[in-house]
Amino acid sequence: DIIVGEILDSGFIEVLEPNVKAMLRFYEKHLMDDTGGISMN
């Protein structure tokens, strides 16, 4: 959570290759600060 948050906050995600960007966006939306699977329905 911490390291993905740092990558997002720095804006560095925008220069990453598409597949890595997709993985980090997936993590941000569905796992970040969510241990109950709420964001995964």
All heavy atoms as atom14 arrays in JSON, in Angstrom:
{
  "sequence": "DIIVGEILDSGFIEVLEPNVKAMLRFYEKHLMDDTGGISMN",
  "atom14_mask": [
    [1, 1, 1, 1, 1, 1, 1, 1, 0, 0, 0, 0, 0, 0],
    [1, 1, 1, 1, 1, 1, 1, 1, 0, 0, 0, 0, 0, 0],
    [1, 1, 1, 1, 1, 1, 1, 1, 0, 0, 0, 0, 0, 0],
    [1, 1, 1, 1, 1, 1, 1, 0, 0, 0, 0, 0, 0, 0],
    [1, 1, 1, 1, 0, 0, 0, 0, 0, 0, 0, 0, 0, 0],
    [1, 1, 1, 1, 1, 1, 1, 1, 1, 0, 0, 0, 0, 0],
    [1, 1, 1, 1, 1, 1, 1, 1, 0, 0, 0, 0, 0, 0],
    [1, 1, 1, 1, 1, 1, 1, 1, 0, 0, 0, 0, 0, 0],
    [1, 1, 1, 1, 1, 1, 1, 1, 0, 0, 0, 0, 0, 0],
    [1, 1, 1, 1, 1, 1, 0, 0, 0, 0, 0, 0, 0, 0],
    [1, 1, 1, 1, 0, 0, 0, 0, 0, 0, 0, 0, 0, 0],
    [1, 1, 1, 1, 1, 1, 1, 1, 1, 1, 1, 0, 0, 0],
    [1, 1, 1, 1, 1, 1, 1, 1, 0, 0, 0, 0, 0, 0],
    [1, 1, 1, 1, 1, 1, 1, 1, 1, 0, 0, 0, 0, 0],
    [1, 1, 1, 1, 1, 1, 1, 0, 0, 0, 0, 0, 0, 0],
    [1, 1, 1, 1, 1, 1, 1, 1, 0, 0, 0, 0, 0, 0],
    [1, 1, 1, 1, 1, 1, 1, 1, 1, 0, 0, 0, 0, 0],
    [1, 1, 1, 1, 1, 1, 1, 0, 0, 0, 0, 0, 0, 0],
    [1, 1, 1, 1, 1, 1, 1, 1, 0, 0, 0, 0, 0, 0],
    [1, 1, 1, 1, 1, 1, 1, 0, 0, 0, 0, 0, 0, 0],
    [1, 1, 1, 1, 1, 1, 1, 1, 1, 0, 0, 0, 0, 0],
    [1, 1, 1, 1, 1, 0, 0, 0, 0, 0, 0, 0, 0, 0],
    [1, 1, 1, 1, 1, 1, 1, 1, 0, 0, 0, 0, 0, 0],
    [1, 1, 1, 1, 1, 1, 1, 1, 0, 0, 0, 0, 0, 0],
    [1, 1, 1, 1, 1, 1, 1, 1, 1, 1, 1, 0, 0, 0],
    [1, 1, 1, 1, 1, 1, 1, 1, 1, 1, 1, 0, 0, 0],
    [1, 1, 1, 1, 1, 1, 1, 1, 1, 1, 1, 1, 0, 0],
    [1, 1, 1, 1, 1, 1, 1, 1, 1, 0, 0, 0, 0, 0],
    [1, 1, 1, 1, 1, 1, 1, 1, 1, 0, 0, 0, 0, 0],
    [1, 1, 1, 1, 1, 1, 1, 1, 1, 1, 0, 0, 0, 0],
    [1, 1, 1, 1, 1, 1, 1, 1, 0, 0, 0, 0, 0, 0],
    [1, 1, 1, 1, 1, 1, 1, 1, 0, 0, 0, 0, 0, 0],
    [1, 1, 1, 1, 1, 1, 1, 1, 0, 0, 0, 0, 0, 0],
    [1, 1, 1, 1, 1, 1, 1, 1, 0, 0, 0, 0, 0, 0],
    [1, 1, 1, 1, 1, 1, 1, 0, 0, 0, 0, 0, 0, 0],
    [1, 1, 1, 1, 0, 0, 0, 0, 0, 0, 0, 0, 0, 0],
    [1, 1, 1, 1, 0, 0, 0, 0, 0, 0, 0, 0, 0, 0],
    [1, 1, 1, 1, 1, 1, 1, 1, 0, 0, 0, 0, 0, 0],
    [1, 1, 1, 1, 1, 1, 0, 0, 0, 0, 0, 0, 0, 0],
    [1, 1, 1, 1, 1, 1, 1, 1, 0, 0, 0, 0, 0, 0],
    [1, 1, 1, 1, 1, 1, 1, 1, 0, 0, 0, 0, 0, 0]
  ],
  "atom14_positions": [
    [[0.84, -1.2, 0.0], [0.0, 0.0, 0.0], [0.87, 1.26, 0.0], [0.63, 2.22, -0.75], [-0.89, 0.03, 1.25], [-2.11, -0.86, 1.15], [-2.15, -1.7, 0.23], [-3.0, -0.72, 2.0], [0.0, 0.0, 0.0], [0.0, 0.0, 0.0], [0.0, 0.0, 0.0], [0.0, 0.0, 0.0], [0.0, 0.0, 0.0], [0.0, 0.0, 0.0]],
    [[1.89, 1.23, 0.85], [2.74, 2.42, 1.02], [3.48, 2.73, -0.28], [3.49, 3.88, -0.75], [3.74, 2.2, 2.16], [2.99, 2.04, 3.49], [4.73, 3.37, 2.24], [3.88, 1.61, 4.65], [0.0, 0.0, 0.0], [0.0, 0.0, 0.0], [0.0, 0.0, 0.0], [0.0, 0.0, 0.0], [0.0, 0.0, 0.0], [0.0, 0.0, 0.0]],
    [[4.1, 1.71, -0.86], [4.95, 1.96, -2.02], [4.12, 2.31, -3.26], [4.5, 3.16, -4.06], [5.89, 0.76, -2.28], [7.14, 1.22, -3.02], [5.2, -0.37, -3.0], [8.25, 0.2, -3.04], [0.0, 0.0, 0.0], [0.0, 0.0, 0.0], [0.0, 0.0, 0.0], [0.0, 0.0, 0.0], [0.0, 0.0, 0.0], [0.0, 0.0, 0.0]],
    [[2.96, 1.68, -3.42], [2.09, 2.04, -4.54], [1.59, 3.47, -4.36], [1.53, 4.26, -5.31], [0.91, 1.05, -4.66], [-0.11, 1.55, -5.68], [1.41, -0.34, -5.06], [0.0, 0.0, 0.0], [0.0, 0.0, 0.0], [0.0, 0.0, 0.0], [0.0, 0.0, 0.0], [0.0, 0.0, 0.0], [0.0, 0.0, 0.0], [0.0, 0.0, 0.0]],
    [[1.26, 3.82, -3.13], [0.83, 5.19, -2.86], [1.9, 6.21, -3.2], [1.6, 7.28, -3.76], [0.0, 0.0, 0.0], [0.0, 0.0, 0.0], [0.0, 0.0, 0.0], [0.0, 0.0, 0.0], [0.0, 0.0, 0.0], [0.0, 0.0, 0.0], [0.0, 0.0, 0.0], [0.0, 0.0, 0.0], [0.0, 0.0, 0.0], [0.0, 0.0, 0.0]],
    [[3.17, 5.88, -2.9], [4.26, 6.81, -3.22], [4.43, 6.97, -4.73], [4.67, 8.08, -5.23], [5.56, 6.29, -2.6], [5.59, 6.4, -1.08], [6.86, 5.82, -0.48], [7.67, 5.23, -1.25], [7.05, 5.97, 0.74], [0.0, 0.0, 0.0], [0.0, 0.0, 0.0], [0.0, 0.0, 0.0], [0.0, 0.0, 0.0], [0.0, 0.0, 0.0]],
    [[4.3, 5.88, -5.46], [4.42, 5.94, -6.93], [3.29, 6.79, -7.52], [3.51, 7.6, -8.42], [4.42, 4.52, -7.53], [5.68, 3.78, -7.1], [4.32, 4.57, -9.05], [5.67, 2.29, -7.45], [0.0, 0.0, 0.0], [0.0, 0.0, 0.0], [0.0, 0.0, 0.0], [0.0, 0.0, 0.0], [0.0, 0.0, 0.0], [0.0, 0.0, 0.0]],
    [[2.09, 6.61, -6.98], [0.95, 7.38, -7.48], [1.1, 8.86, -7.14], [0.89, 9.74, -7.99], [-0.34, 6.83, -6.88], [-0.75, 5.41, -7.3], [-1.89, 4.91, -6.43], [-1.15, 5.39, -8.77], [0.0, 0.0, 0.0], [0.0, 0.0, 0.0], [0.0, 0.0, 0.0], [0.0, 0.0, 0.0], [0.0, 0.0, 0.0], [0.0, 0.0, 0.0]],
    [[1.48, 9.16, -5.89], [1.58, 10.55, -5.45], [2.67, 11.32, -6.2], [2.54, 12.53, -6.43], [1.86, 10.61, -3.95], [0.67, 10.15, -3.11], [-0.45, 10.1, -3.65], [0.87, 9.84, -1.92], [0.0, 0.0, 0.0], [0.0, 0.0, 0.0], [0.0, 0.0, 0.0], [0.0, 0.0, 0.0], [0.0, 0.0, 0.0], [0.0, 0.0, 0.0]],
    [[3.72, 10.59, -6.6], [4.82, 11.26, -7.3], [4.52, 11.55, -8.76], [5.24, 12.29, -9.43], [6.08, 10.38, -7.22], [5.93, 9.19, -8.0], [0.0, 0.0, 0.0], [0.0, 0.0, 0.0], [0.0, 0.0, 0.0], [0.0, 0.0, 0.0], [0.0, 0.0, 0.0], [0.0, 0.0, 0.0], [0.0, 0.0, 0.0], [0.0, 0.0, 0.0]],
    [[3.46, 10.92, -9.28], [3.13, 11.06, -10.7], [3.97, 10.17, -11.59], [3.8, 10.17, -12.83], [0.0, 0.0, 0.0], [0.0, 0.0, 0.0], [0.0, 0.0, 0.0], [0.0, 0.0, 0.0], [0.0, 0.0, 0.0], [0.0, 0.0, 0.0], [0.0, 0.0, 0.0], [0.0, 0.0, 0.0], [0.0, 0.0, 0.0], [0.0, 0.0, 0.0]],
    [[4.84, 9.36, -10.99], [5.74, 8.51, -11.76], [4.99, 7.45, -12.56], [5.47, 6.97, -13.59], [6.75, 7.84, -10.81], [7.87, 7.12, -11.49], [8.86, 7.81, -12.17], [7.93, 5.73, -11.48], [9.89, 7.13, -12.82], [8.95, 5.04, -12.11], [9.94, 5.75, -12.78], [0.0, 0.0, 0.0], [0.0, 0.0, 0.0], [0.0, 0.0, 0.0]],
    [[3.8, 7.11, -12.11], [3.02, 6.09, -12.81], [2.77, 6.46, -14.27], [2.65, 5.59, -15.14], [1.67, 5.85, -12.08], [0.96, 4.62, -12.69], [0.79, 7.09, -12.12], [-0.26, 4.18, -11.92], [0.0, 0.0, 0.0], [0.0, 0.0, 0.0], [0.0, 0.0, 0.0], [0.0, 0.0, 0.0], [0.0, 0.0, 0.0], [0.0, 0.0, 0.0]],
    [[2.73, 7.75, -14.58], [2.4, 8.19, -15.94], [3.48, 7.84, -16.96], [3.21, 7.82, -18.16], [2.14, 9.69, -15.95], [1.0, 10.13, -15.03], [-0.32, 9.43, -15.36], [-0.53, 9.02, -16.52], [-1.14, 9.28, -14.43], [0.0, 0.0, 0.0], [0.0, 0.0, 0.0], [0.0, 0.0, 0.0], [0.0, 0.0, 0.0], [0.0, 0.0, 0.0]],
    [[4.71, 7.58, -16.51], [5.8, 7.28, -17.45], [6.11, 5.79, -17.52], [7.07, 5.37, -18.17], [7.09, 8.06, -17.09], [6.83, 9.55, -17.14], [7.63, 7.65, -15.71], [0.0, 0.0, 0.0], [0.0, 0.0, 0.0], [0.0, 0.0, 0.0], [0.0, 0.0, 0.0], [0.0, 0.0, 0.0], [0.0, 0.0, 0.0], [0.0, 0.0, 0.0]],
    [[5.3, 4.98, -16.86], [5.55, 3.54, -16.83], [4.93, 2.85, -18.03], [3.97, 3.33, -18.64], [4.98, 2.94, -15.54], [5.59, 3.45, -14.23], [4.89, 2.8, -13.04], [7.09, 3.16, -14.18], [0.0, 0.0, 0.0], [0.0, 0.0, 0.0], [0.0, 0.0, 0.0], [0.0, 0.0, 0.0], [0.0, 0.0, 0.0], [0.0, 0.0, 0.0]],
    [[5.46, 1.66, -18.33], [4.91, 0.87, -19.43], [3.46, 0.51, -19.11], [3.06, 0.38, -17.94], [5.75, -0.38, -19.64], [5.86, -1.3, -18.42], [6.67, -2.53, -18.71], [6.07, -3.47, -19.26], [7.87, -2.57, -18.37], [0.0, 0.0, 0.0], [0.0, 0.0, 0.0], [0.0, 0.0, 0.0], [0.0, 0.0, 0.0], [0.0, 0.0, 0.0]],
    [[2.62, 0.33, -20.13], [1.17, 0.17, -19.94], [0.77, -0.96, -18.99], [-0.14, -0.78, -18.18], [0.65, -0.07, -21.36], [1.66, 0.58, -22.24], [2.98, 0.4, -21.57], [0.0, 0.0, 0.0], [0.0, 0.0, 0.0], [0.0, 0.0, 0.0], [0.0, 0.0, 0.0], [0.0, 0.0, 0.0], [0.0, 0.0, 0.0], [0.0, 0.0, 0.0]],
    [[1.41, -2.12, -19.09], [1.0, -3.25, -18.25], [1.29, -3.01, -16.78], [0.5, -3.41, -15.9], [1.7, -4.53, -18.72], [1.18, -5.01, -20.06], [0.2, -4.48, -20.58], [1.81, -6.02, -20.63], [0.0, 0.0, 0.0], [0.0, 0.0, 0.0], [0.0, 0.0, 0.0], [0.0, 0.0, 0.0], [0.0, 0.0, 0.0], [0.0, 0.0, 0.0]],
    [[2.41, -2.38, -16.49], [2.72, -2.04, -15.1], [1.74, -1.0, -14.59], [1.26, -1.07, -13.45], [4.18, -1.54, -14.97], [4.45, -1.04, -13.55], [5.15, -2.63, -15.36], [0.0, 0.0, 0.0], [0.0, 0.0, 0.0], [0.0, 0.0, 0.0], [0.0, 0.0, 0.0], [0.0, 0.0, 0.0], [0.0, 0.0, 0.0], [0.0, 0.0, 0.0]],
    [[1.45, -0.03, -15.42], [0.46, 0.99, -15.06], [-0.89, 0.34, -14.73], [-1.55, 0.71, -13.75], [0.32, 1.99, -16.2], [-0.52, 3.22, -15.85], [-0.69, 4.16, -17.05], [0.65, 4.72, -17.5], [0.47, 5.74, -18.58], [0.0, 0.0, 0.0], [0.0, 0.0, 0.0], [0.0, 0.0, 0.0], [0.0, 0.0, 0.0], [0.0, 0.0, 0.0]],
    [[-1.27, -0.65, -15.54], [-2.55, -1.34, -15.31], [-2.54, -2.08, -13.97], [-3.54, -2.07, -13.24], [-2.82, -2.32, -16.45], [0.0, 0.0, 0.0], [0.0, 0.0, 0.0], [0.0, 0.0, 0.0], [0.0, 0.0, 0.0], [0.0, 0.0, 0.0], [0.0, 0.0, 0.0], [0.0, 0.0, 0.0], [0.0, 0.0, 0.0], [0.0, 0.0, 0.0]],
    [[-1.41, -2.72, -13.64], [-1.3, -3.43, -12.36], [-1.42, -2.47, -11.19], [-2.15, -2.73, -10.22], [0.03, -4.19, -12.29], [0.31, -4.83, -10.94], [-0.75, -6.26, -10.58], [0.28, -7.57, -11.29], [0.0, 0.0, 0.0], [0.0, 0.0, 0.0], [0.0, 0.0, 0.0], [0.0, 0.0, 0.0], [0.0, 0.0, 0.0], [0.0, 0.0, 0.0]],
    [[-0.72, -1.34, -11.26], [-0.76, -0.39, -10.16], [-2.13, 0.28, -10.02], [-2.6, 0.53, -8.9], [0.32, 0.67, -10.34], [1.77, 0.15, -10.31], [2.76, 1.29, -10.46], [2.06, -0.64, -9.05], [0.0, 0.0, 0.0], [0.0, 0.0, 0.0], [0.0, 0.0, 0.0], [0.0, 0.0, 0.0], [0.0, 0.0, 0.0], [0.0, 0.0, 0.0]],
    [[-2.78, 0.55, -11.14], [-4.13, 1.12, -11.08], [-5.11, 0.1, -10.5], [-6.03, 0.46, -9.74], [-4.59, 1.55, -12.48], [-3.86, 2.77, -13.04], [-4.11, 4.0, -12.19], [-3.55, 5.21, -12.81], [-3.37, 6.35, -12.18], [-3.68, 6.45, -10.89], [-2.86, 7.41, -12.79], [0.0, 0.0, 0.0], [0.0, 0.0, 0.0], [0.0, 0.0, 0.0]],
    [[-4.93, -1.16, -10.87], [-5.76, -2.22, -10.3], [-5.59, -2.26, -8.78], [-6.57, -2.33, -8.02], [-5.36, -3.58, -10.9], [-5.88, -4.77, -10.15], [-7.15, -5.26, -10.39], [-5.09, -5.42, -9.2], [-7.65, -6.37, -9.69], [-5.57, -6.52, -8.5], [-6.85, -6.99, -8.74], [0.0, 0.0, 0.0], [0.0, 0.0, 0.0], [0.0, 0.0, 0.0]],
    [[-4.34, -2.18, -8.34], [-4.07, -2.22, -6.89], [-4.7, -1.01, -6.2], [-5.34, -1.15, -5.14], [-2.56, -2.23, -6.64], [-2.23, -2.59, -5.2], [-1.9, -3.89, -4.85], [-2.27, -1.62, -4.19], [-1.62, -4.22, -3.53], [-2.01, -1.94, -2.87], [-1.67, -3.25, -2.55], [-1.41, -3.58, -1.24], [0.0, 0.0, 0.0], [0.0, 0.0, 0.0]],
    [[-4.54, 0.15, -6.81], [-5.09, 1.37, -6.23], [-6.6, 1.27, -6.04], [-7.15, 1.63, -4.99], [-4.76, 2.57, -7.12], [-5.39, 3.87, -6.66], [-5.29, 4.97, -7.71], [-5.11, 4.65, -8.91], [-5.41, 6.15, -7.33], [0.0, 0.0, 0.0], [0.0, 0.0, 0.0], [0.0, 0.0, 0.0], [0.0, 0.0, 0.0], [0.0, 0.0, 0.0]],
    [[-7.28, 0.75, -7.06], [-8.74, 0.75, -7.05], [-9.33, -0.36, -6.19], [-10.36, -0.17, -5.54], [-9.26, 0.63, -8.49], [-10.77, 0.7, -8.6], [-11.22, 0.7, -10.06], [-12.73, 0.79, -10.16], [-13.2, 0.79, -11.57], [0.0, 0.0, 0.0], [0.0, 0.0, 0.0], [0.0, 0.0, 0.0], [0.0, 0.0, 0.0], [0.0, 0.0, 0.0]],
    [[-8.67, -1.54, -6.17], [-9.3, -2.71, -5.57], [-8.65, -3.26, -4.31], [-9.24, -4.1, -3.64], [-9.38, -3.83, -6.61], [-10.17, -3.46, -7.83], [-11.54, -3.27, -7.8], [-9.79, -3.23, -9.1], [-11.97, -2.95, -9.01], [-10.93, -2.91, -9.82], [0.0, 0.0, 0.0], [0.0, 0.0, 0.0], [0.0, 0.0, 0.0], [0.0, 0.0, 0.0]],
    [[-7.43, -2.78, -3.97], [-6.74, -3.34, -2.81], [-6.24, -2.29, -1.82], [-6.08, -2.6, -0.64], [-5.56, -4.2, -3.26], [-5.93, -5.48, -4.03], [-4.69, -6.08, -4.68], [-6.57, -6.49, -3.09], [0.0, 0.0, 0.0], [0.0, 0.0, 0.0], [0.0, 0.0, 0.0], [0.0, 0.0, 0.0], [0.0, 0.0, 0.0], [0.0, 0.0, 0.0]],
    [[-5.99, -1.1, -2.27], [-5.43, -0.06, -1.41], [-6.36, 0.22, -0.23], [-7.54, 0.53, -0.4], [-5.22, 1.22, -2.21], [-4.57, 2.35, -1.43], [-2.79, 2.2, -1.38], [-2.37, 2.74, -3.03], [0.0, 0.0, 0.0], [0.0, 0.0, 0.0], [0.0, 0.0, 0.0], [0.0, 0.0, 0.0], [0.0, 0.0, 0.0], [0.0, 0.0, 0.0]],
    [[-5.84, 0.05, 0.98], [-6.6, 0.32, 2.21], [-7.92, -0.45, 2.26], [-8.91, 0.02, 2.85], [-6.89, 1.82, 2.35], [-5.62, 2.65, 2.45], [-4.67, 2.19, 3.1], [-5.58, 3.75, 1.86], [0.0, 0.0, 0.0], [0.0, 0.0, 0.0], [0.0, 0.0, 0.0], [0.0, 0.0, 0.0], [0.0, 0.0, 0.0], [0.0, 0.0, 0.0]],
    [[-7.94, -1.62, 1.68], [-9.17, -2.42, 1.64], [-8.81, -3.88, 1.89], [-8.36, -4.59, 0.99], [-9.86, -2.26, 0.28], [-11.19, -3.01, 0.21], [-11.55, -3.7, 1.19], [-11.85, -2.92, -0.83], [0.0, 0.0, 0.0], [0.0, 0.0, 0.0], [0.0, 0.0, 0.0], [0.0, 0.0, 0.0], [0.0, 0.0, 0.0], [0.0, 0.0, 0.0]],
    [[-8.99, -4.35, 3.12], [-8.67, -5.75, 3.46], [-9.92, -6.62, 3.5], [-9.85, -7.8, 3.86], [-7.96, -5.82, 4.82], [-8.81, -5.24, 5.83], [-6.64, -5.08, 4.79], [0.0, 0.0, 0.0], [0.0, 0.0, 0.0], [0.0, 0.0, 0.0], [0.0, 0.0, 0.0], [0.0, 0.0, 0.0], [0.0, 0.0, 0.0], [0.0, 0.0, 0.0]],
    [[-11.06, -6.04, 3.13], [-12.31, -6.8, 3.18], [-12.89, -7.13, 1.82], [-13.99, -7.69, 1.73], [0.0, 0.0, 0.0], [0.0, 0.0, 0.0], [0.0, 0.0, 0.0], [0.0, 0.0, 0.0], [0.0, 0.0, 0.0], [0.0, 0.0, 0.0], [0.0, 0.0, 0.0], [0.0, 0.0, 0.0], [0.0, 0.0, 0.0], [0.0, 0.0, 0.0]],
    [[-12.18, -6.78, 0.74], [-12.68, -7.08, -0.6], [-13.85, -6.23, -1.02], [-14.54, -6.55, -1.99], [0.0, 0.0, 0.0], [0.0, 0.0, 0.0], [0.0, 0.0, 0.0], [0.0, 0.0, 0.0], [0.0, 0.0, 0.0], [0.0, 0.0, 0.0], [0.0, 0.0, 0.0], [0.0, 0.0, 0.0], [0.0, 0.0, 0.0], [0.0, 0.0, 0.0]],
    [[-14.09, -5.13, -0.31], [-15.23, -4.27, -0.63], [-15.15, -3.78, -2.08], [-16.15, -3.77, -2.82], [-15.3, -3.06, 0.32], [-15.33, -3.52, 1.79], [-16.5, -2.19, 0.0], [-16.52, -4.37, 2.13], [0.0, 0.0, 0.0], [0.0, 0.0, 0.0], [0.0, 0.0, 0.0], [0.0, 0.0, 0.0], [0.0, 0.0, 0.0], [0.0, 0.0, 0.0]],
    [[-13.95, -3.37, -2.49], [-13.77, -2.82, -3.84], [-13.75, -3.9, -4.92], [-13.69, -3.58, -6.11], [-12.47, -2.01, -3.9], [-12.51, -0.94, -2.98], [0.0, 0.0, 0.0], [0.0, 0.0, 0.0], [0.0, 0.0, 0.0], [0.0, 0.0, 0.0], [0.0, 0.0, 0.0], [0.0, 0.0, 0.0], [0.0, 0.0, 0.0], [0.0, 0.0, 0.0]],
    [[-13.79, -5.16, -4.5], [-13.86, -6.25, -5.48], [-15.23, -6.92, -5.42], [-15.38, -8.11, -5.72], [-12.74, -7.27, -5.23], [-11.38, -6.7, -5.57], [-10.05, -7.93, -5.64], [-9.86, -8.29, -3.92], [0.0, 0.0, 0.0], [0.0, 0.0, 0.0], [0.0, 0.0, 0.0], [0.0, 0.0, 0.0], [0.0, 0.0, 0.0], [0.0, 0.0, 0.0]],
    [[-16.2, -6.15, -4.98], [-17.6, -6.58, -4.98], [-17.91, -7.7, -3.98], [-18.82, -8.49, -4.2], [-18.03, -7.02, -6.39], [-17.83, -5.94, -7.42], [-18.1, -4.77, -7.16], [-17.34, -6.31, -8.6], [0.0, 0.0, 0.0], [0.0, 0.0, 0.0], [0.0, 0.0, 0.0], [0.0, 0.0, 0.0], [0.0, 0.0, 0.0], [0.0, 0.0, 0.0]]
  ]
}
